C-alpha atoms as a PDB file:
ATOM      1  CA  MET A   1     -28.943 155.739-102.377  1.00  0.00           C
ATOM      2  CA  SER A   2     -25.828 156.277-104.458  1.00  0.00           C
ATOM      3  CA  THR A   3     -24.239 159.718-104.306  1.00  0.00           C
ATOM      4  CA  SER A   4     -21.535 159.815-106.962  1.00  0.00           C
ATOM      5  CA  ALA A   5     -23.651 161.145-109.849  1.00  0.00           C
ATOM      6  CA  VAL A   6     -23.285 164.816-110.890  1.00  0.00           C
ATOM      7  CA  ARG A   7     -24.268 167.172-108.064  1.00  0.00           C
ATOM      8  CA  SER A   8     -24.967 170.855-107.746  1.00  0.00           C
ATOM      9  CA  SER A   9     -23.209 173.091-105.236  1.00  0.00           C
ATOM     10  CA  ALA A  10     -26.254 172.634-102.975  1.00  0.00           C
ATOM     11  CA  GLY A  11     -25.696 168.892-102.845  1.00  0.00           C
ATOM     12  CA  ALA A  12     -28.714 167.771-104.864  1.00  0.00           C
ATOM     13  CA  LEU A  13     -28.354 165.585-107.921  1.00  0.00           C
ATOM     14  CA  ASP A  14     -28.191 168.139-110.724  1.00  0.00           C
ATOM     15  CA  VAL A  15     -30.186 166.015-113.147  1.00  0.00           C
ATOM     16  CA  PRO A  16     -33.629 167.016-114.470  1.00  0.00           C
ATOM     17  CA  VAL A  17     -36.382 164.406-114.616  1.00  0.00           C
ATOM     18  CA  VAL A  18     -39.069 164.241-117.292  1.00  0.00           C
ATOM     19  CA  ILE A  19     -42.181 162.319-116.219  1.00  0.00           C
ATOM     20  CA  LEU A  20     -44.684 161.187-118.845  1.00  0.00           C
ATOM     21  CA  ALA A  21     -48.205 161.653-117.473  1.00  0.00           C
ATOM     22  CA  GLY A  22     -50.257 162.479-120.558  1.00  0.00           C
ATOM     23  CA  GLY A  23     -51.661 159.079-121.516  1.00  0.00           C
ATOM     24  CA  LYS A  24     -55.349 158.135-121.374  1.00  0.00           C
ATOM     25  CA  GLY A  25     -54.800 154.870-119.504  1.00  0.00           C
ATOM     26  CA  ARG A  26     -57.066 152.842-121.776  1.00  0.00           C
ATOM     27  CA  ARG A  27     -55.952 149.523-120.259  1.00  0.00           C
ATOM     28  CA  LEU A  28     -56.980 150.695-116.780  1.00  0.00           C
ATOM     29  CA  LYS A  29     -60.570 151.601-117.590  1.00  0.00           C
ATOM     30  CA  PRO A  30     -63.008 152.194-116.009  1.00  0.00           C
ATOM     31  CA  TYR A  31     -60.734 153.668-113.287  1.00  0.00           C
ATOM     32  CA  SER A  32     -59.040 156.051-115.711  1.00  0.00           C
ATOM     33  CA  ASN A  33     -62.342 157.547-116.882  1.00  0.00           C
ATOM     34  CA  VAL A  34     -62.368 159.608-113.686  1.00  0.00           C
ATOM     35  CA  PHE A  35     -58.667 160.004-112.795  1.00  0.00           C
ATOM     36  CA  PRO A  36     -55.571 160.309-114.967  1.00  0.00           C
ATOM     37  CA  LYS A  37     -53.643 157.106-114.364  1.00  0.00           C
ATOM     38  CA  PRO A  38     -50.776 158.815-112.448  1.00  0.00           C
ATOM     39  CA  LEU A  39     -53.322 159.935-109.832  1.00  0.00           C
ATOM     40  CA  MET A  40     -54.552 156.397-109.165  1.00  0.00           C
ATOM     41  CA  PRO A  41     -53.897 155.665-105.465  1.00  0.00           C
ATOM     42  CA  VAL A  42     -51.458 152.944-104.455  1.00  0.00           C
ATOM     43  CA  GLY A  43     -51.834 152.580-100.736  1.00  0.00           C
ATOM     44  CA  GLU A  44     -52.597 156.030 -99.362  1.00  0.00           C
ATOM     45  CA  ARG A  45     -51.002 158.122-102.119  1.00  0.00           C
ATOM     46  CA  PRO A  46     -51.297 158.582-105.896  1.00  0.00           C
ATOM     47  CA  ILE A  47     -48.664 156.576-107.748  1.00  0.00           C
ATOM     48  CA  LEU A  48     -47.101 159.756-109.169  1.00  0.00           C
ATOM     49  CA  GLU A  49     -46.746 161.258-105.698  1.00  0.00           C
ATOM     50  CA  ILE A  50     -44.889 158.128-104.585  1.00  0.00           C
ATOM     51  CA  LEU A  51     -42.511 158.521-107.553  1.00  0.00           C
ATOM     52  CA  ILE A  52     -41.905 162.197-106.843  1.00  0.00           C
ATOM     53  CA  ARG A  53     -41.193 161.481-103.170  1.00  0.00           C
ATOM     54  CA  GLN A  54     -38.662 158.829-104.212  1.00  0.00           C
ATOM     55  CA  LEU A  55     -36.987 161.260-106.604  1.00  0.00           C
ATOM     56  CA  ALA A  56     -36.821 163.984-103.963  1.00  0.00           C
ATOM     57  CA  ARG A  57     -35.269 161.579-101.468  1.00  0.00           C
ATOM     58  CA  CYS A  58     -32.591 160.781-104.053  1.00  0.00           C
ATOM     59  CA  GLY A  59     -31.923 164.515-104.519  1.00  0.00           C
ATOM     60  CA  LEU A  60     -33.674 164.755-107.900  1.00  0.00           C
ATOM     61  CA  ARG A  61     -35.765 167.867-107.435  1.00  0.00           C
ATOM     62  CA  ARG A  62     -36.003 169.460-110.901  1.00  0.00           C
ATOM     63  CA  ILE A  63     -39.028 167.822-112.508  1.00  0.00           C
ATOM     64  CA  TYR A  64     -40.904 168.358-115.758  1.00  0.00           C
ATOM     65  CA  ILE A  65     -44.264 166.624-116.149  1.00  0.00           C
ATOM     66  CA  ALA A  66     -45.684 166.098-119.648  1.00  0.00           C
ATOM     67  CA  VAL A  67     -49.470 166.274-119.316  1.00  0.00           C
ATOM     68  CA  GLY A  68     -52.414 165.749-121.629  1.00  0.00           C
ATOM     69  CA  HIS A  69     -55.465 163.715-120.566  1.00  0.00           C
ATOM     70  CA  LEU A  70     -57.222 165.359-117.573  1.00  0.00           C
ATOM     71  CA  SER A  71     -54.159 167.562-117.112  1.00  0.00           C
ATOM     72  CA  HIS A  72     -55.967 170.071-114.897  1.00  0.00           C
ATOM     73  CA  LEU A  73     -56.362 167.432-112.185  1.00  0.00           C
ATOM     74  CA  LEU A  74     -52.633 166.711-112.157  1.00  0.00           C
ATOM     75  CA  ILE A  75     -51.681 170.385-112.121  1.00  0.00           C
ATOM     76  CA  ASN A  76     -54.166 171.208-109.349  1.00  0.00           C
ATOM     77  CA  PHE A  77     -52.948 168.305-107.218  1.00  0.00           C
ATOM     78  CA  PHE A  78     -49.180 168.814-107.463  1.00  0.00           C
ATOM     79  CA  GLY A  79     -48.938 172.550-108.149  1.00  0.00           C
ATOM     80  CA  ASP A  80     -45.339 173.732-108.300  1.00  0.00           C
ATOM     81  CA  GLY A  81     -44.154 170.755-106.235  1.00  0.00           C
ATOM     82  CA  SER A  82     -43.025 172.825-103.261  1.00  0.00           C
ATOM     83  CA  GLU A  83     -45.067 170.765-100.777  1.00  0.00           C
ATOM     84  CA  LEU A  84     -43.049 167.714-101.856  1.00  0.00           C
ATOM     85  CA  GLY A  85     -39.708 169.527-101.789  1.00  0.00           C
ATOM     86  CA  VAL A  86     -39.294 169.662-105.578  1.00  0.00           C
ATOM     87  CA  HIS A  87     -39.768 172.163-108.384  1.00  0.00           C
ATOM     88  CA  ILE A  88     -42.307 171.082-111.019  1.00  0.00           C
ATOM     89  CA  GLU A  89     -42.927 172.593-114.434  1.00  0.00           C
ATOM     90  CA  TYR A  90     -45.553 171.287-116.849  1.00  0.00           C
ATOM     91  CA  VAL A  91     -45.493 170.846-120.597  1.00  0.00           C
ATOM     92  CA  ARG A  92     -48.767 170.233-122.392  1.00  0.00           C
ATOM     93  CA  GLU A  93     -49.200 167.836-125.275  1.00  0.00           C
ATOM     94  CA  ALA A  94     -51.774 169.321-127.633  1.00  0.00           C
ATOM     95  CA  GLN A  95     -52.024 165.825-129.088  1.00  0.00           C
ATOM     96  CA  PRO A  96     -50.556 162.521-127.843  1.00  0.00           C
ATOM     97  CA  LEU A  97     -46.848 162.503-128.749  1.00  0.00           C
ATOM     98  CA  GLY A  98     -45.902 158.983-127.631  1.00  0.00           C
ATOM     99  CA  THR A  99     -43.297 157.830-125.142  1.00  0.00           C
ATOM    100  CA  ALA A 100     -40.520 159.986-126.631  1.00  0.00           C
ATOM    101  CA  GLY A 101     -42.241 162.768-128.574  1.00  0.00           C
ATOM    102  CA  ALA A 102     -42.891 164.927-125.528  1.00  0.00           C
ATOM    103  CA  LEU A 103     -39.132 165.494-125.216  1.00  0.00           C
ATOM    104  CA  SER A 104     -39.343 167.818-128.223  1.00  0.00           C
ATOM    105  CA  LEU A 105     -41.304 170.243-126.020  1.00  0.00           C
ATOM    106  CA  LEU A 106     -38.301 170.493-123.695  1.00  0.00           C
ATOM    107  CA  ARG A 107     -35.560 170.795-126.293  1.00  0.00           C
ATOM    108  CA  ASP A 108     -34.349 174.155-124.958  1.00  0.00           C
ATOM    109  CA  ARG A 109     -34.314 172.990-121.308  1.00  0.00           C
ATOM    110  CA  LEU A 110     -32.540 169.631-121.516  1.00  0.00           C
ATOM    111  CA  ASP A 111     -28.884 170.491-122.093  1.00  0.00           C
ATOM    112  CA  SER A 112     -27.285 167.826-119.857  1.00  0.00           C
ATOM    113  CA  THR A 113     -27.911 164.265-118.678  1.00  0.00           C
ATOM    114  CA  PHE A 114     -31.560 163.742-117.729  1.00  0.00           C
ATOM    115  CA  LEU A 115     -33.977 161.026-116.635  1.00  0.00           C
ATOM    116  CA  LEU A 116     -37.111 160.104-118.562  1.00  0.00           C
ATOM    117  CA  MET A 117     -39.728 157.944-116.895  1.00  0.00           C
ATOM    118  CA  ASN A 118     -43.352 156.882-117.028  1.00  0.00           C
ATOM    119  CA  GLY A 119     -45.604 158.282-114.328  1.00  0.00           C
ATOM    120  CA  ASP A 120     -47.520 155.080-113.658  1.00  0.00           C
ATOM    121  CA  LEU A 121     -45.001 152.600-112.248  1.00  0.00           C
ATOM    122  CA  LEU A 122     -44.111 151.266-108.831  1.00  0.00           C
ATOM    123  CA  THR A 123     -40.489 150.369-108.138  1.00  0.00           C
ATOM    124  CA  ASP A 124     -37.713 150.455-105.576  1.00  0.00           C
ATOM    125  CA  LEU A 125     -35.064 151.301-108.188  1.00  0.00           C
ATOM    126  CA  ASP A 126     -32.051 153.300-106.978  1.00  0.00           C
ATOM    127  CA  TYR A 127     -32.021 156.238-109.403  1.00  0.00           C
ATOM    128  CA  GLY A 128     -28.579 157.318-108.243  1.00  0.00           C
ATOM    129  CA  ARG A 129     -27.057 153.951-109.179  1.00  0.00           C
ATOM    130  CA  LEU A 130     -28.716 154.114-112.598  1.00  0.00           C
ATOM    131  CA  LEU A 131     -27.203 157.545-113.207  1.00  0.00           C
ATOM    132  CA  ASP A 132     -23.797 156.412-111.950  1.00  0.00           C
ATOM    133  CA  ASP A 133     -23.805 153.467-114.357  1.00  0.00           C
ATOM    134  CA  HIS A 134     -24.873 155.720-117.215  1.00  0.00           C
ATOM    135  CA  ALA A 135     -22.065 158.185-116.521  1.00  0.00           C
ATOM    136  CA  GLN A 136     -19.443 155.482-115.970  1.00  0.00           C
ATOM    137  CA  HIS A 137     -20.056 153.902-119.371  1.00  0.00           C
ATOM    138  CA  ARG A 138     -20.580 157.232-121.156  1.00  0.00           C
ATOM    139  CA  SER A 139     -23.749 155.932-122.729  1.00  0.00           C
ATOM    140  CA  CYS A 140     -26.041 157.943-124.945  1.00  0.00           C
ATOM    141  CA  ALA A 141     -28.986 156.100-123.388  1.00  0.00           C
ATOM    142  CA  THR A 142     -29.318 153.662-120.496  1.00  0.00           C
ATOM    143  CA  ILE A 143     -32.517 151.645-120.097  1.00  0.00           C
ATOM    144  CA  ALA A 144     -33.507 150.266-116.687  1.00  0.00           C
ATOM    145  CA  LEU A 145     -34.273 146.554-117.129  1.00  0.00           C
ATOM    146  CA  ALA A 146     -36.284 143.970-115.219  1.00  0.00           C
ATOM    147  CA  GLU A 147     -36.453 140.227-115.791  1.00  0.00           C
ATOM    148  CA  ARG A 148     -39.755 138.522-116.452  1.00  0.00           C
ATOM    149  CA  THR A 149     -40.599 134.833-116.715  1.00  0.00           C
ATOM    150  CA  VAL A 150     -43.273 133.088-118.772  1.00  0.00           C
ATOM    151  CA  ASP A 151     -44.309 129.595-117.676  1.00  0.00           C
ATOM    152  CA  ILE A 152     -45.295 127.345-120.599  1.00  0.00           C
ATOM    153  CA  ASP A 153     -47.912 124.824-119.499  1.00  0.00           C
ATOM    154  CA  TYR A 154     -47.223 122.366-122.328  1.00  0.00           C
ATOM    155  CA  GLY A 155     -44.449 120.148-123.573  1.00  0.00           C
ATOM    156  CA  VAL A 156     -42.630 122.216-126.214  1.00  0.00           C
ATOM    157  CA  ILE A 157     -41.522 120.274-129.284  1.00  0.00           C
ATOM    158  CA  ARG A 158     -38.714 121.368-131.591  1.00  0.00           C
ATOM    159  CA  VAL A 159     -38.470 119.807-135.067  1.00  0.00           C
ATOM    160  CA  ASP A 160     -36.240 120.223-138.125  1.00  0.00           C
ATOM    161  CA  ASP A 161     -37.371 120.925-141.711  1.00  0.00           C
ATOM    162  CA  GLU A 162     -38.389 117.255-142.107  1.00  0.00           C
ATOM    163  CA  LYS A 163     -40.492 117.394-138.901  1.00  0.00           C
ATOM    164  CA  ARG A 164     -38.054 115.093-137.098  1.00  0.00           C
ATOM    165  CA  LEU A 165     -37.848 115.816-133.388  1.00  0.00           C
ATOM    166  CA  VAL A 166     -34.665 117.568-132.308  1.00  0.00           C
ATOM    167  CA  GLY A 167     -35.808 118.560-128.826  1.00  0.00           C
ATOM    168  CA  TYR A 168     -38.537 118.139-126.240  1.00  0.00           C
ATOM    169  CA  ASP A 169     -38.872 120.530-123.277  1.00  0.00           C
ATOM    170  CA  GLU A 170     -41.519 119.702-120.683  1.00  0.00           C
ATOM    171  CA  LYS A 171     -43.241 122.865-119.391  1.00  0.00           C
ATOM    172  CA  PRO A 172     -40.227 125.154-119.825  1.00  0.00           C
ATOM    173  CA  GLN A 173     -39.781 128.653-118.463  1.00  0.00           C
ATOM    174  CA  ILE A 174     -38.862 131.474-120.811  1.00  0.00           C
ATOM    175  CA  LYS A 175     -36.938 134.362-119.254  1.00  0.00           C
ATOM    176  CA  TYR A 176     -36.593 137.728-120.964  1.00  0.00           C
ATOM    177  CA  LEU A 177     -35.663 141.318-120.166  1.00  0.00           C
ATOM    178  CA  VAL A 178     -38.146 144.185-120.368  1.00  0.00           C
ATOM    179  CA  SER A 179     -37.841 147.945-120.223  1.00  0.00           C
ATOM    180  CA  MET A 180     -38.998 149.419-116.924  1.00  0.00           C
ATOM    181  CA  GLY A 181     -39.973 152.702-118.569  1.00  0.00           C
ATOM    182  CA  ILE A 182     -37.092 154.536-116.854  1.00  0.00           C
ATOM    183  CA  TYR A 183     -34.191 155.909-118.905  1.00  0.00           C
ATOM    184  CA  ALA A 184     -31.014 157.957-118.387  1.00  0.00           C
ATOM    185  CA  LEU A 185     -30.388 160.009-121.526  1.00  0.00           C
ATOM    186  CA  GLU A 186     -27.983 162.484-123.040  1.00  0.00           C
ATOM    187  CA  PRO A 187     -29.342 165.629-124.732  1.00  0.00           C
ATOM    188  CA  ARG A 188     -28.066 164.501-128.141  1.00  0.00           C
ATOM    189  CA  VAL A 189     -30.974 162.046-128.323  1.00  0.00           C
ATOM    190  CA  LEU A 190     -33.164 165.088-128.983  1.00  0.00           C
ATOM    191  CA  ARG A 191     -31.682 165.352-132.489  1.00  0.00           C
ATOM    192  CA  GLU A 192     -33.674 162.247-133.398  1.00  0.00           C
ATOM    193  CA  ILE A 193     -37.045 163.702-132.342  1.00  0.00           C
ATOM    194  CA  ALA A 194     -38.881 166.032-134.708  1.00  0.00           C
ATOM    195  CA  PRO A 195     -41.020 168.761-133.067  1.00  0.00           C
ATOM    196  CA  ASP A 196     -44.733 168.090-132.501  1.00  0.00           C
ATOM    197  CA  THR A 197     -44.487 164.597-133.983  1.00  0.00           C
ATOM    198  CA  HIS A 198     -45.502 161.282-132.468  1.00  0.00           C
ATOM    199  CA  HIS A 199     -42.422 159.266-131.418  1.00  0.00           C
ATOM    200  CA  ASP A 200     -42.279 156.049-129.423  1.00  0.00           C
ATOM    201  CA  PHE A 201     -39.214 155.181-127.375  1.00  0.00           C
ATOM    202  CA  PRO A 202     -38.427 151.872-129.152  1.00  0.00           C
ATOM    203  CA  SER A 203     -38.196 153.708-132.478  1.00  0.00           C
ATOM    204  CA  LEU A 204     -35.909 156.291-130.889  1.00  0.00           C
ATOM    205  CA  VAL A 205     -33.595 153.549-129.607  1.00  0.00           C
ATOM    206  CA  LEU A 206     -33.426 151.923-133.039  1.00  0.00           C
ATOM    207  CA  ARG A 207     -32.461 155.256-134.586  1.00  0.00           C
ATOM    208  CA  LEU A 208     -29.725 155.730-131.963  1.00  0.00           C
ATOM    209  CA  LEU A 209     -28.358 152.269-132.731  1.00  0.00           C
ATOM    210  CA  ALA A 210     -28.391 153.083-136.450  1.00  0.00           C
ATOM    211  CA  GLU A 211     -26.258 156.140-135.594  1.00  0.00           C
ATOM    212  CA  HIS A 212     -23.828 153.833-133.703  1.00  0.00           C
ATOM    213  CA  GLU A 213     -24.612 155.473-130.375  1.00  0.00           C
ATOM    214  CA  THR A 214     -23.986 153.516-127.174  1.00  0.00           C
ATOM    215  CA  VAL A 215     -27.236 152.237-125.657  1.00  0.00           C
ATOM    216  CA  ARG A 216     -26.913 150.067-122.546  1.00  0.00           C
ATOM    217  CA  GLY A 217     -29.167 148.285-120.108  1.00  0.00           C
ATOM    218  CA  PHE A 218     -29.066 148.633-116.314  1.00  0.00           C
ATOM    219  CA  MET A 219     -30.297 145.509-114.548  1.00  0.00           C
ATOM    220  CA  HIS A 220     -32.667 145.984-111.609  1.00  0.00           C
ATOM    221  CA  THR A 221     -33.313 142.935-109.450  1.00  0.00           C
ATOM    222  CA  GLY A 222     -35.790 144.503-107.037  1.00  0.00           C
ATOM    223  CA  TYR A 223     -39.439 145.418-107.390  1.00  0.00           C
ATOM    224  CA  TRP A 224     -41.028 146.920-110.487  1.00  0.00           C
ATOM    225  CA  LEU A 225     -44.563 147.010-111.806  1.00  0.00           C
ATOM    226  CA  ASP A 226     -46.327 148.945-114.548  1.00  0.00           C
ATOM    227  CA  ILE A 227     -49.830 149.532-113.175  1.00  0.00           C
ATOM    228  CA  GLY A 228     -51.421 149.757-116.641  1.00  0.00           C
ATOM    229  CA  ARG A 229     -53.697 146.726-116.185  1.00  0.00           C
ATOM    230  CA  PRO A 230     -56.272 146.195-113.410  1.00  0.00           C
ATOM    231  CA  SER A 231     -54.504 143.007-112.242  1.00  0.00           C
ATOM    232  CA  ASP A 232     -51.167 144.842-111.963  1.00  0.00           C
ATOM    233  CA  TYR A 233     -52.821 147.756-110.188  1.00  0.00           C
ATOM    234  CA  GLU A 234     -54.248 145.341-107.604  1.00  0.00           C
ATOM    235  CA  LEU A 235     -50.830 143.701-107.164  1.00  0.00           C
ATOM    236  CA  ALA A 236     -49.198 147.107-106.663  1.00  0.00           C
ATOM    237  CA  ASN A 237     -51.601 147.793-103.818  1.00  0.00           C
ATOM    238  CA  GLU A 238     -50.771 144.419-102.277  1.00  0.00           C
ATOM    239  CA  TRP A 239     -47.043 145.219-102.413  1.00  0.00           C
ATOM    240  CA  MET A 240     -47.630 148.615-100.840  1.00  0.00           C
ATOM    241  CA  GLN A 241     -49.690 147.102 -98.050  1.00  0.00           C
ATOM    242  CA  GLU A 242     -47.023 144.485 -97.318  1.00  0.00           C
ATOM    243  CA  GLN A 243     -43.913 146.698 -97.569  1.00  0.00           C
ATOM    244  CA  PRO A 244     -44.873 150.397 -97.547  1.00  0.00           C
ATOM    245  CA  GLU A 245     -41.395 151.492 -96.403  1.00  0.00           C
ATOM    246  CA  ARG A 246     -39.811 149.937 -99.509  1.00  0.00           C
ATOM    247  CA  PHE A 247     -41.693 152.204-101.916  1.00  0.00           C
ATOM    248  CA  ASP A 248     -42.814 155.237 -99.936  1.00  0.00           C
ATOM    249  CA  PRO A 249     -39.949 156.791 -97.961  1.00  0.00           C
END
């Protein structure tokens, strides 16, 4: 992985990581009735353990986990992170704070560039390259992006105001970019997040744009999957079975 991002004297990437693991996983029921979604196994390990192992391999060893639903199971499983070669601290959401609100609980500990990520995704993203790109462009926020394609099974008709045909596309494909749920951020984004208030990340980005901050995308062409739905969870397990070395170092 890339090595030119900011490093400590010990050689590790000196960038804290905030992992969101407090959601109830409603889309993954009934599995998530028993386990918090980040503890759902992909292959032989919980998805969050796979993420933490990837981060440690990249040198990212200072980790904060925002917990809520079934938090005691997460804390008992990972402890202080020493068995995985990282240092983990936990912040508890008394109530769900959304995909950005939990950052307000870490306001006094995030004073430099940091990563924010969901704890329920499978990817082979190079975190070092993401951080390098973020630093190179001096962005306030950099969003990891993946491309998705929708196949339209019909002939798509385009008409003008008089219903006269101006185009006819037979079974087109629509390509679009989506957020991977992984972000490189500067501490000044915290100014936009009120304490103990629900904030979603899209609203945070819109506020940053309104303040004329630089928000960029970082294109990832490899593997990425949000395991929020049963079908995606099953696909993640198929990927892990086929290429375990790609995801689990």
